[in-house]
Amino acid sequence: WTNVNDITLDLYFEDGEAGCSGKIRALSGTTKISAIFKLERKSGTSWILEKSWSQSSSTNSLSFFGTDAVVAGYTYRLSVTADVTRNGVTETVRTSIQGDY
């Protein structure tokens, strides 16, 4: 990543619910961050979209928190794809984490 210092994702499960959080910290001079966070469930070799959230920020940081119902016995993935604009140039960044419930 050229314009991003750090992306942190967290995925936890409690009482049939997934807690999803994320933070993007970009370099000074960033004027916009547009992000899509996705919660997916693994089914065989495929990933099924459970829920997605769109977030945006006009500063160099973006924070997110969301929840969704989940079913025990599956692997889940929380991912983020973000467009980070700094000095008139937009960079697309992606990362993800997985967790079992």
Protein backbone atom coordinates (compact mmCIF):
# COMPACT_ATOMS: atom_id res chain seq x y z
CA TRP A 1 0.00 0.00 0.00
CA THR A 2 1.29 3.40 -0.97
CA ASN A 3 -1.11 5.73 0.82
CA VAL A 4 -2.25 3.58 3.76
CA ASN A 5 -0.42 3.14 7.04
CA ASP A 6 -2.58 0.42 8.51
CA ILE A 7 -5.82 -1.52 8.11
CA THR A 8 -7.17 -3.35 11.15
CA LEU A 9 -10.08 -5.79 10.99
CA ASP A 10 -11.73 -7.67 13.84
CA LEU A 11 -14.35 -10.41 13.69
CA TYR A 12 -15.88 -12.02 16.75
CA PHE A 13 -18.92 -14.16 17.51
CA GLU A 14 -21.32 -14.13 20.43
CA ASP A 15 -24.82 -15.54 20.89
CA GLY A 16 -25.52 -16.09 17.21
CA GLU A 17 -24.19 -12.72 16.13
CA ALA A 18 -20.99 -11.59 14.43
CA GLY A 19 -19.36 -8.35 15.46
CA CYS A 20 -17.41 -6.80 12.61
CA SER A 21 -15.11 -3.84 12.97
CA GLY A 22 -12.42 -2.16 10.99
CA LYS A 23 -10.17 0.85 10.89
CA ILE A 24 -8.22 2.35 8.01
CA ARG A 25 -5.44 4.83 8.71
CA ALA A 26 -4.08 6.59 5.65
CA LEU A 27 -1.28 9.07 5.16
CA SER A 28 -1.66 12.78 5.82
CA GLY A 29 -3.08 14.53 2.79
CA THR A 30 -5.73 11.89 2.18
CA THR A 31 -8.97 13.61 1.18
CA LYS A 32 -11.33 10.66 0.81
CA ILE A 33 -11.70 7.03 1.83
CA SER A 34 -14.57 4.99 0.39
CA ALA A 35 -14.84 1.46 1.74
CA ILE A 36 -17.04 -1.59 1.39
CA PHE A 37 -16.93 -4.13 4.21
CA LYS A 38 -18.30 -7.60 3.50
CA LEU A 39 -19.21 -10.50 5.75
CA GLU A 40 -19.21 -13.81 3.90
CA ARG A 41 -19.86 -17.42 4.89
CA LYS A 42 -17.90 -20.32 3.47
CA SER A 43 -19.96 -23.02 1.77
CA GLY A 44 -17.81 -25.77 0.31
CA THR A 45 -15.21 -23.97 -1.76
CA SER A 46 -17.34 -20.86 -2.29
CA TRP A 47 -18.04 -17.76 -0.25
CA ILE A 48 -21.62 -16.57 0.17
CA LEU A 49 -22.25 -12.89 0.90
CA GLU A 50 -24.13 -12.44 4.15
CA LYS A 51 -24.03 -8.66 4.50
CA SER A 52 -22.17 -5.64 3.21
CA TRP A 53 -21.68 -2.13 4.56
CA SER A 54 -20.51 1.02 2.79
CA GLN A 55 -18.56 3.64 4.70
CA SER A 56 -16.82 6.84 3.67
CA SER A 57 -14.64 9.49 5.24
CA SER A 58 -13.28 12.84 4.12
CA THR A 59 -10.27 12.55 6.44
CA ASN A 60 -7.29 10.22 6.56
CA SER A 61 -9.01 7.70 8.83
CA LEU A 62 -12.16 5.60 8.68
CA SER A 63 -13.75 3.49 11.40
CA PHE A 64 -16.48 0.88 11.01
CA PHE A 65 -18.61 -1.37 13.19
CA GLY A 66 -21.48 -3.63 12.19
CA THR A 67 -23.26 -6.78 13.28
CA ASP A 68 -25.10 -9.60 11.58
CA ALA A 69 -26.71 -12.88 12.55
CA VAL A 70 -24.58 -15.99 12.00
CA VAL A 71 -25.02 -19.76 12.19
CA ALA A 72 -22.72 -22.01 14.20
CA GLY A 73 -20.52 -24.50 12.41
CA TYR A 74 -19.32 -22.24 9.59
CA THR A 75 -16.24 -20.25 8.67
CA TYR A 76 -16.81 -16.56 8.10
CA ARG A 77 -14.72 -13.94 6.35
CA LEU A 78 -14.69 -10.20 6.92
CA SER A 79 -13.13 -8.24 4.07
CA VAL A 80 -12.68 -4.63 3.08
CA THR A 81 -12.05 -3.00 -0.26
CA ALA A 82 -11.29 0.70 -0.05
CA ASP A 83 -10.50 3.49 -2.47
CA VAL A 84 -8.09 5.93 -0.86
CA THR A 85 -7.59 9.30 -2.53
CA ARG A 86 -4.48 11.31 -1.73
CA ASN A 87 -2.95 14.14 -3.73
CA GLY A 88 -5.49 13.53 -6.47
CA VAL A 89 -4.51 9.88 -6.94
CA THR A 90 -6.80 7.01 -5.93
CA GLU A 91 -5.38 3.73 -4.67
CA THR A 92 -7.50 0.61 -4.12
CA VAL A 93 -6.57 -1.51 -1.10
CA ARG A 94 -7.95 -4.84 0.10
CA THR A 95 -7.54 -7.18 3.02
CA SER A 96 -9.56 -9.81 4.91
CA ILE A 97 -9.66 -12.02 7.98
CA GLN A 98 -11.44 -15.30 8.75
CA GLY A 99 -13.02 -16.79 11.83
CA ASP A 100 -14.86 -19.98 12.80
CA TYR A 101 -18.09 -20.00 14.75
